[in-house]
Amino acid sequence: MVGEFNDGRPGARPMAERPDGTRAVTVTLPVDQRHGFRYLADGGHWLDEDGADGHDGRNSLLHT
């Protein structure tokens, strides 16, 4: 997961695999703000979050 909260550094917040095969990461974010993020998959493929609060044309957006 790459976003404003880790200065856009891939690998700074690696996702851990869950028993069901999905992956997850926990981050603490300030409230009442908009946070942009994307997923960086193997092979350099960027993925968006379909369930995000919005998209700005480049990032998935989460409103806290």
C-alpha atoms as a PDB file:
ATOM      1  CA  MET A   1       0.000   0.000   0.000  1.00  0.00           C
ATOM      2  CA  VAL A   2       1.448   3.306  -1.065  1.00  0.00           C
ATOM      3  CA  GLY A   3       0.049   6.646  -0.007  1.00  0.00           C
ATOM      4  CA  GLU A   4       0.543  10.051   1.497  1.00  0.00           C
ATOM      5  CA  PHE A   5       0.842   8.452   4.941  1.00  0.00           C
ATOM      6  CA  ASN A   6       4.125   6.724   3.989  1.00  0.00           C
ATOM      7  CA  ASP A   7       5.526   9.452   1.722  1.00  0.00           C
ATOM      8  CA  GLY A   8       4.702   7.348  -1.331  1.00  0.00           C
ATOM      9  CA  ARG A   9       7.434   4.821  -0.501  1.00  0.00           C
ATOM     10  CA  PRO A  10       6.605   1.332  -1.796  1.00  0.00           C
ATOM     11  CA  GLY A  11       7.262  -1.319   0.839  1.00  0.00           C
ATOM     12  CA  ALA A  12       7.138   1.120   3.749  1.00  0.00           C
ATOM     13  CA  ARG A  13       3.818  -0.461   4.847  1.00  0.00           C
ATOM     14  CA  PRO A  14       3.811  -4.030   3.508  1.00  0.00           C
ATOM     15  CA  MET A  15       0.530  -5.903   3.560  1.00  0.00           C
ATOM     16  CA  ALA A  16       0.361  -9.140   5.544  1.00  0.00           C
ATOM     17  CA  GLU A  17      -1.390 -12.196   4.189  1.00  0.00           C
ATOM     18  CA  ARG A  18      -4.498 -13.315   6.071  1.00  0.00           C
ATOM     19  CA  PRO A  19      -5.517 -16.963   6.543  1.00  0.00           C
ATOM     20  CA  ASP A  20      -8.163 -16.588   3.811  1.00  0.00           C
ATOM     21  CA  GLY A  21      -5.545 -15.474   1.252  1.00  0.00           C
ATOM     22  CA  THR A  22      -6.423 -11.766   1.263  1.00  0.00           C
ATOM     23  CA  ARG A  23      -3.919  -9.174   2.409  1.00  0.00           C
ATOM     24  CA  ALA A  24      -4.292  -6.340   4.915  1.00  0.00           C
ATOM     25  CA  VAL A  25      -2.406  -3.524   6.568  1.00  0.00           C
ATOM     26  CA  THR A  26      -3.378  -1.220   9.432  1.00  0.00           C
ATOM     27  CA  VAL A  27      -2.480   2.462   9.454  1.00  0.00           C
ATOM     28  CA  THR A  28      -3.490   5.229  11.845  1.00  0.00           C
ATOM     29  CA  LEU A  29      -4.687   8.325  10.018  1.00  0.00           C
ATOM     30  CA  PRO A  30      -5.719  11.799  11.204  1.00  0.00           C
ATOM     31  CA  VAL A  31      -9.471  12.403  11.214  1.00  0.00           C
ATOM     32  CA  ASP A  32     -11.416  14.871   9.078  1.00  0.00           C
ATOM     33  CA  GLN A  33      -8.974  14.572   6.187  1.00  0.00           C
ATOM     34  CA  ARG A  34      -8.796  13.039   2.745  1.00  0.00           C
ATOM     35  CA  HIS A  35      -6.038  10.475   2.181  1.00  0.00           C
ATOM     36  CA  GLY A  36      -4.861   9.248  -1.228  1.00  0.00           C
ATOM     37  CA  PHE A  37      -3.471   5.743  -1.718  1.00  0.00           C
ATOM     38  CA  ARG A  38      -2.964   2.917  -4.223  1.00  0.00           C
ATOM     39  CA  TYR A  39      -1.825  -0.673  -4.140  1.00  0.00           C
ATOM     40  CA  LEU A  40       1.449  -1.656  -5.823  1.00  0.00           C
ATOM     41  CA  ALA A  41       1.333  -5.319  -6.850  1.00  0.00           C
ATOM     42  CA  ASP A  42       4.101  -7.622  -7.992  1.00  0.00           C
ATOM     43  CA  GLY A  43       5.525  -6.695 -11.367  1.00  0.00           C
ATOM     44  CA  GLY A  44       4.923  -2.965 -10.821  1.00  0.00           C
ATOM     45  CA  HIS A  45       1.159  -3.124 -11.429  1.00  0.00           C
ATOM     46  CA  TRP A  46      -0.854  -0.362  -9.744  1.00  0.00           C
ATOM     47  CA  LEU A  47      -4.315  -1.197  -8.428  1.00  0.00           C
ATOM     48  CA  ASP A  48      -7.152   0.993  -7.206  1.00  0.00           C
ATOM     49  CA  GLU A  49      -9.529   0.255  -4.335  1.00  0.00           C
ATOM     50  CA  ASP A  50     -13.008  -0.271  -5.739  1.00  0.00           C
ATOM     51  CA  GLY A  51     -14.542   0.333  -2.304  1.00  0.00           C
ATOM     52  CA  ALA A  52     -12.759   3.668  -1.742  1.00  0.00           C
ATOM     53  CA  ASP A  53     -14.672   6.805  -0.825  1.00  0.00           C
ATOM     54  CA  GLY A  54     -13.665   8.246  -4.192  1.00  0.00           C
ATOM     55  CA  HIS A  55     -10.974   8.527  -6.846  1.00  0.00           C
ATOM     56  CA  ASP A  56      -9.134  11.628  -8.067  1.00  0.00           C
ATOM     57  CA  GLY A  57      -7.959  10.201 -11.398  1.00  0.00           C
ATOM     58  CA  ARG A  58      -4.719   8.952  -9.913  1.00  0.00           C
ATOM     59  CA  ASN A  59      -5.405   7.699  -6.387  1.00  0.00           C
ATOM     60  CA  SER A  60      -8.100   5.973  -4.421  1.00  0.00           C
ATOM     61  CA  LEU A  61      -9.391   8.300  -1.702  1.00  0.00           C
ATOM     62  CA  LEU A  62     -10.338   7.632   1.892  1.00  0.00           C
ATOM     63  CA  HIS A  63     -12.154  10.255   3.979  1.00  0.00           C
ATOM     64  CA  THR A  64     -11.621   9.887   7.722  1.00  0.00           C
END
